[in-house]
C-alpha atoms as a PDB file:
ATOM      1  CA  MET A   1      -8.101 -19.993 -19.125  1.00  0.00           C
ATOM      2  CA  GLU A   2      -7.955 -20.478 -22.778  1.00  0.00           C
ATOM      3  CA  LEU A   3     -11.281 -21.154 -24.842  1.00  0.00           C
ATOM      4  CA  LYS A   4     -11.338 -22.279 -28.017  1.00  0.00           C
ATOM      5  CA  PRO A   5     -14.204 -20.953 -30.669  1.00  0.00           C
ATOM      6  CA  ASP A   6     -15.809 -23.987 -30.740  1.00  0.00           C
ATOM      7  CA  GLN A   7     -16.099 -24.040 -27.036  1.00  0.00           C
ATOM      8  CA  VAL A   8     -17.212 -20.407 -26.542  1.00  0.00           C
ATOM      9  CA  LEU A   9     -20.398 -21.063 -28.812  1.00  0.00           C
ATOM     10  CA  HIS A  10     -21.308 -24.315 -27.425  1.00  0.00           C
ATOM     11  CA  ILE A  11     -21.106 -22.155 -23.993  1.00  0.00           C
ATOM     12  CA  CYS A  12     -23.482 -19.652 -25.846  1.00  0.00           C
ATOM     13  CA  LYS A  13     -25.806 -22.015 -27.045  1.00  0.00           C
ATOM     14  CA  GLY A  14     -25.048 -21.546 -30.803  1.00  0.00           C
ATOM     15  CA  ASP A  15     -25.782 -17.719 -31.003  1.00  0.00           C
ATOM     16  CA  THR A  16     -22.919 -16.299 -32.623  1.00  0.00           C
ATOM     17  CA  GLU A  17     -23.570 -12.657 -31.818  1.00  0.00           C
ATOM     18  CA  ILE A  18     -23.594 -13.142 -28.541  1.00  0.00           C
ATOM     19  CA  ALA A  19     -20.682 -15.443 -29.177  1.00  0.00           C
ATOM     20  CA  ASP A  20     -18.539 -12.627 -30.949  1.00  0.00           C
ATOM     21  CA  VAL A  21     -19.391 -10.777 -27.759  1.00  0.00           C
ATOM     22  CA  PHE A  22     -18.088 -13.388 -25.445  1.00  0.00           C
ATOM     23  CA  THR A  23     -14.824 -13.539 -27.289  1.00  0.00           C
ATOM     24  CA  LEU A  24     -14.401  -9.490 -27.062  1.00  0.00           C
ATOM     25  CA  LEU A  25     -14.872  -9.720 -23.774  1.00  0.00           C
ATOM     26  CA  LEU A  26     -12.465 -12.847 -22.786  1.00  0.00           C
ATOM     27  CA  GLU A  27      -9.834 -10.781 -24.283  1.00  0.00           C
ATOM     28  CA  GLN A  28     -10.242  -7.259 -22.742  1.00  0.00           C
ATOM     29  CA  ASN A  29     -10.208  -9.592 -19.682  1.00  0.00           C
ATOM     30  CA  ARG A  30      -6.539 -10.762 -20.140  1.00  0.00           C
ATOM     31  CA  THR A  31      -5.618  -7.563 -21.688  1.00  0.00           C
ATOM     32  CA  LEU A  32      -6.377  -5.622 -18.433  1.00  0.00           C
ATOM     33  CA  LEU A  33      -4.735  -8.674 -16.025  1.00  0.00           C
ATOM     34  CA  GLU A  34      -2.066  -8.560 -18.265  1.00  0.00           C
ATOM     35  CA  GLN A  35      -2.021  -4.604 -17.895  1.00  0.00           C
ATOM     36  CA  ASN A  36      -3.068  -4.783 -13.783  1.00  0.00           C
ATOM     37  CA  GLN A  37       0.126  -7.415 -13.653  1.00  0.00           C
ATOM     38  CA  LYS A  38       2.765  -4.987 -15.202  1.00  0.00           C
ATOM     39  CA  LEU A  39       1.291  -1.855 -13.239  1.00  0.00           C
ATOM     40  CA  GLU A  40       1.605  -3.900 -10.403  1.00  0.00           C
ATOM     41  CA  ARG A  41       5.291  -5.122 -10.842  1.00  0.00           C
ATOM     42  CA  ARG A  42       6.201  -1.477 -11.731  1.00  0.00           C
ATOM     43  CA  VAL A  43       4.327  -0.015  -8.149  1.00  0.00           C
ATOM     44  CA  HIS A  44       6.222  -2.612  -6.426  1.00  0.00           C
ATOM     45  CA  GLU A  45       9.298  -1.476  -7.781  1.00  0.00           C
ATOM     46  CA  LEU A  46       8.949   2.427  -7.545  1.00  0.00           C
ATOM     47  CA  GLU A  47       8.022   1.395  -3.328  1.00  0.00           C
ATOM     48  CA  ARG A  48      11.650  -0.089  -3.360  1.00  0.00           C
ATOM     49  CA  GLN A  49      13.053   2.788  -4.316  1.00  0.00           C
ATOM     50  CA  LEU A  50      10.888   5.114  -2.651  1.00  0.00           C
ATOM     51  CA  GLY A  51      12.419   2.803   0.423  1.00  0.00           C
ATOM     52  CA  GLN A  52      16.394   3.798  -0.444  1.00  0.00           C
ATOM     53  CA  ASN A  53      18.089   5.892   1.459  1.00  0.00           C
ATOM     54  CA  SER A  54      21.761   6.117   2.415  1.00  0.00           C
ATOM     55  CA  GLN A  55      21.516   3.994   4.903  1.00  0.00           C
ATOM     56  CA  ASN A  56      20.885   1.100   3.277  1.00  0.00           C
ATOM     57  CA  SER A  57      21.955   1.722  -0.583  1.00  0.00           C
ATOM     58  CA  SER A  58      25.104   3.145  -2.273  1.00  0.00           C
ATOM     59  CA  LYS A  59      23.066   6.746  -2.978  1.00  0.00           C
ATOM     60  CA  PRO A  60      24.797   9.552  -1.385  1.00  0.00           C
ATOM     61  CA  PRO A  61      23.357  11.757   1.695  1.00  0.00           C
ATOM     62  CA  SER A  62      22.523  14.328  -0.192  1.00  0.00           C
ATOM     63  CA  SER A  63      20.128  12.491  -1.606  1.00  0.00           C
ATOM     64  CA  ASP A  64      18.156  11.748   1.302  1.00  0.00           C
ATOM     65  CA  GLY A  65      16.109  14.879   0.570  1.00  0.00           C
ATOM     66  CA  PHE A  66      14.958  16.891   3.606  1.00  0.00           C
ATOM     67  CA  ARG A  67      14.577  15.412   6.319  1.00  0.00           C
ATOM     68  CA  LYS A  68      16.074  15.414   9.631  1.00  0.00           C
ATOM     69  CA  PRO A  69      18.814  12.605  11.087  1.00  0.00           C
ATOM     70  CA  LYS A  70      17.815  10.872  14.222  1.00  0.00           C
ATOM     71  CA  ASN A  71      19.377  12.455  17.220  1.00  0.00           C
ATOM     72  CA  SER A  72      21.100   9.917  18.978  1.00  0.00           C
ATOM     73  CA  ARG A  73      22.102  11.922  21.768  1.00  0.00           C
ATOM     74  CA  VAL A  74      20.542  11.129  25.142  1.00  0.00           C
ATOM     75  CA  ALA A  75      19.311  13.706  26.862  1.00  0.00           C
ATOM     76  CA  GLY A  76      20.986  15.094  29.973  1.00  0.00           C
ATOM     77  CA  GLY A  77      22.626  17.934  31.718  1.00  0.00           C
ATOM     78  CA  LYS A  78      23.569  19.320  34.416  1.00  0.00           C
ATOM     79  CA  LYS A  79      22.111  17.915  37.690  1.00  0.00           C
ATOM     80  CA  ARG A  80      20.801  19.804  40.612  1.00  0.00           C
ATOM     81  CA  ARG A  81      22.072  18.867  44.002  1.00  0.00           C
ATOM     82  CA  ALA A  82      19.214  18.823  46.909  1.00  0.00           C
END
């Protein structure tokens, strides 16, 4: 919500000193909201990149790091006769 200077002055009941502080706080709030949105986009992108591996992207398997591949073999072996 964008307030005009005369609206801020009205809210502050004509006190120009309070209106100046109020305006400064509105500007700081707008700046912080913009920074927050920017950081949220960055975190989302980094989380997306972190979730990529050779199975779901064009990255080579050597870039997967030190994770051990899941063993798809079923445990078995010789069966004893009774």
